Amino acid sequence: MPYYDKSEDWLHQSALLLQARPATTRITTRYNLKPAHRVTKAEKAAAAAASTTSPPPSTANAASKKPPRGHLVLKTFDPSSGVCLKYKTSKAAEVGRLVQMLGTLGRRMAALPEVAVSGGGAQDEVMADAAAEAEVGVGSGVQTPVPSAAAAAAAAVPAAASQAGGGGKGKKKKGKR
C-alpha cells in the first residue's frame, strides 16, 4: 500500500474510516531509530593508516558523524474491508503534532464522543456562579458604592502625578547660570 504524501490527508481519511468502522479499525505506530555507526578498532586503524598516506578524510567518514535519523510510520488498518492507510515522516515537529492527534483518533476508535475544543467556534457556556449572581443582582452595578467628591478628587491627584513623570524618573533639572 502506498504512503500518503501529506499528514492532513492521512488524518482525514483515518478519521473517516474510524467513523465508519470504529469496532474493527486499528491505528498502529512504529518508530524506527537507526543506531549511530560505531567505529571498530580495525576501522580506526585503517582510517589512521589511510590518513597518513592519503588526502583529507572522505565524505563517507564525515557522514558517519551525523546523528541518527528516526522515522515514524502510522498505519490505519481495517481487516474487515482490507483498507490500509499509511503515512511516514522523519520531521520531529510533525511527529509531535501527529502524536497529539492520535488522542482524538483514539477517542473515535473507542467510540467516545468528541471533546469540544475552545476557541474553535465552540459556544460559550454560562458558569453556574455567574448565572446565580445575575439573578440576585450582584455585579449588576446596583450595589456599587458611589465615591464622594472629596475622595474622587484625592484619587485623581496621584493619578495625574504619575502620568506626568512617565516612568518613575523625574525631569533632569538644568543648572543655574
Protein backbone atom coordinates (compact mmCIF):
# COMPACT_ATOMS: atom_id res chain seq x y z
CA MET A 1 0.00 0.00 0.00
CA PRO A 2 1.47 3.41 -0.90
CA TYR A 3 2.10 6.09 1.70
CA TYR A 4 0.20 9.38 1.82
CA ASP A 5 2.19 12.49 0.88
CA LYS A 6 0.56 14.81 3.44
CA SER A 7 -0.26 14.14 7.07
CA GLU A 8 -3.55 16.03 6.73
CA ASP A 9 -4.72 13.56 4.08
CA TRP A 10 -3.87 10.60 6.29
CA LEU A 11 -5.61 12.18 9.32
CA HIS A 12 -8.76 12.95 7.35
CA GLN A 13 -9.02 9.51 5.75
CA SER A 14 -8.26 7.78 9.06
CA ALA A 15 -10.96 9.79 10.81
CA LEU A 16 -13.48 8.82 8.12
CA LEU A 17 -12.50 5.14 8.36
CA LEU A 18 -12.79 5.21 12.15
CA GLN A 19 -16.16 6.91 11.92
CA ALA A 20 -17.42 4.23 9.53
CA ARG A 21 -15.97 1.21 11.38
CA PRO A 22 -14.86 2.07 14.93
CA ALA A 23 -15.11 -1.51 16.21
CA THR A 24 -12.67 -3.13 13.76
CA THR A 25 -10.33 -0.32 12.65
CA ARG A 26 -6.99 -0.06 14.44
CA ILE A 27 -4.21 2.52 14.34
CA THR A 28 -0.65 1.34 14.82
CA THR A 29 2.51 3.38 15.16
CA ARG A 30 6.07 2.31 14.57
CA TYR A 31 9.10 4.44 15.32
CA ASN A 32 12.41 3.35 13.87
CA LEU A 33 15.67 4.91 15.02
CA LYS A 34 18.81 3.53 13.48
CA PRO A 35 21.68 3.45 15.98
CA ALA A 36 24.75 5.53 15.30
CA HIS A 37 27.51 3.74 13.42
CA ARG A 38 30.19 2.57 15.85
CA VAL A 39 33.74 2.56 14.64
CA THR A 40 35.63 -0.65 15.42
CA LYS A 41 39.33 -0.87 16.23
CA ALA A 42 40.05 -2.27 12.78
CA GLU A 43 38.26 0.64 11.09
CA LYS A 44 40.17 3.12 13.29
CA ALA A 45 43.47 1.51 12.34
CA ALA A 46 42.54 1.53 8.66
CA ALA A 47 41.46 5.18 8.87
CA ALA A 48 44.70 6.13 10.65
CA ALA A 49 46.80 4.36 8.02
CA ALA A 50 44.78 5.92 5.20
CA SER A 51 45.02 9.43 6.66
CA THR A 52 48.82 9.32 6.79
CA THR A 53 49.12 8.24 3.15
CA SER A 54 46.11 9.95 1.58
CA PRO A 55 44.46 13.39 1.47
CA PRO A 56 41.78 14.52 3.99
CA PRO A 57 39.06 12.06 5.04
CA SER A 58 36.37 11.21 2.53
CA THR A 59 32.74 12.24 2.72
CA ALA A 60 31.75 8.73 3.80
CA ASN A 61 33.66 9.19 7.04
CA ALA A 62 32.04 12.61 7.61
CA ALA A 63 28.60 11.13 7.00
CA SER A 64 29.08 8.61 9.81
CA LYS A 65 29.34 11.51 12.30
CA LYS A 66 25.77 12.70 11.62
CA PRO A 67 23.21 11.93 14.32
CA PRO A 68 20.83 9.05 13.62
CA ARG A 69 17.56 9.87 11.89
CA GLY A 70 14.29 8.37 13.08
CA HIS A 71 11.16 7.59 11.10
CA LEU A 72 7.58 7.42 12.36
CA VAL A 73 5.19 5.20 10.42
CA LEU A 74 1.46 5.46 11.13
CA LYS A 75 -0.90 2.82 9.82
CA THR A 76 -4.69 2.69 9.97
CA PHE A 77 -5.99 -0.76 9.09
CA ASP A 78 -9.47 -2.24 8.89
CA PRO A 79 -9.32 -6.04 8.47
CA SER A 80 -12.99 -6.42 7.54
CA SER A 81 -12.74 -4.14 4.50
CA GLY A 82 -9.00 -4.54 3.86
CA VAL A 83 -8.34 -0.79 3.86
CA CYS A 84 -4.80 0.20 4.87
CA LEU A 85 -3.79 3.87 5.20
CA LYS A 86 -0.09 4.64 5.79
CA TYR A 87 1.93 7.76 6.47
CA LYS A 88 5.68 8.04 7.08
CA THR A 89 7.60 11.06 8.37
CA SER A 90 11.01 11.95 9.78
CA LYS A 91 10.23 15.53 10.80
CA ALA A 92 10.40 16.00 14.57
CA ALA A 93 7.81 18.80 14.72
CA GLU A 94 5.36 16.77 12.68
CA VAL A 95 5.90 13.71 14.88
CA GLY A 96 4.86 15.71 17.96
CA ARG A 97 1.77 17.05 16.25
CA LEU A 98 0.74 13.63 14.97
CA VAL A 99 1.14 12.03 18.39
CA GLN A 100 -1.22 14.67 19.79
CA MET A 101 -3.74 13.96 17.01
CA LEU A 102 -3.65 10.25 17.84
CA GLY A 103 -5.57 11.15 21.01
CA THR A 104 -8.55 12.43 19.05
CA LEU A 105 -8.40 9.46 16.70
CA GLY A 106 -8.21 7.17 19.72
CA ARG A 107 -11.44 8.65 21.06
CA ARG A 108 -13.10 7.80 17.77
CA MET A 109 -11.59 4.32 17.87
CA ALA A 110 -13.10 3.83 21.35
CA ALA A 111 -16.43 5.21 20.05
CA LEU A 112 -16.35 8.05 22.61
CA PRO A 113 -17.90 11.45 21.88
CA GLU A 114 -15.56 14.15 20.64
CA VAL A 115 -14.35 16.78 23.08
CA ALA A 116 -15.16 20.34 22.02
CA VAL A 117 -12.04 22.47 21.60
CA SER A 118 -12.36 26.00 22.96
CA GLY A 119 -11.70 28.87 20.60
CA GLY A 120 -12.62 26.90 17.51
CA GLY A 121 -16.18 28.13 17.17
CA ALA A 122 -17.49 26.39 20.28
CA GLN A 123 -20.25 28.28 22.04
CA ASP A 124 -19.56 29.83 25.43
CA GLU A 125 -21.24 28.31 28.43
CA VAL A 126 -22.57 30.38 31.32
CA MET A 127 -20.96 29.43 34.61
CA ALA A 128 -23.32 28.41 37.42
CA ASP A 129 -21.96 31.09 39.80
CA ALA A 130 -22.38 33.84 37.20
CA ALA A 131 -25.96 32.79 36.49
CA ALA A 132 -26.81 32.85 40.22
CA GLU A 133 -25.24 36.31 40.64
CA ALA A 134 -27.21 37.65 37.68
CA GLU A 135 -30.49 36.50 39.26
CA VAL A 136 -29.69 38.12 42.65
CA GLY A 137 -28.39 41.33 41.15
CA VAL A 138 -24.81 41.02 42.35
CA GLY A 139 -22.37 42.50 39.92
CA SER A 140 -25.03 44.47 38.08
CA GLY A 141 -23.87 47.82 39.49
CA VAL A 142 -26.82 48.27 41.86
CA GLN A 143 -24.77 47.72 45.00
CA THR A 144 -21.67 49.57 43.81
CA PRO A 145 -20.75 52.39 46.22
CA VAL A 146 -20.51 55.91 44.77
CA PRO A 147 -17.39 57.79 45.92
CA SER A 148 -17.77 61.24 47.41
CA ALA A 149 -16.45 64.29 45.57
CA ALA A 150 -13.52 64.75 48.03
CA ALA A 151 -12.44 61.10 47.67
CA ALA A 152 -12.68 61.34 43.88
CA ALA A 153 -10.50 64.50 43.87
CA ALA A 154 -7.91 62.85 46.15
CA ALA A 155 -7.80 59.79 43.91
CA ALA A 156 -7.37 61.96 40.79
CA VAL A 157 -4.28 63.84 42.09
CA PRO A 158 -1.93 60.81 42.38
CA ALA A 159 -3.11 59.53 39.02
CA ALA A 160 -2.25 62.85 37.36
CA ALA A 161 1.14 63.00 39.09
CA SER A 162 2.07 59.52 37.95
CA GLN A 163 1.19 60.36 34.35
CA ALA A 164 3.42 63.46 34.31
CA GLY A 165 6.57 61.61 35.40
CA GLY A 166 6.35 58.90 32.79
CA GLY A 167 8.30 56.04 34.27
CA GLY A 168 9.38 56.95 37.76
CA LYS A 169 12.28 59.26 36.88
CA GLY A 170 11.77 62.99 37.15
CA LYS A 171 12.87 65.56 34.61
CA LYS A 172 16.52 66.40 34.56
CA LYS A 173 16.99 69.78 36.20
CA LYS A 174 19.03 72.44 34.45
CA GLY A 175 21.84 74.07 36.33
CA LYS A 176 21.89 77.79 37.21
CA ARG A 177 23.96 80.15 35.06
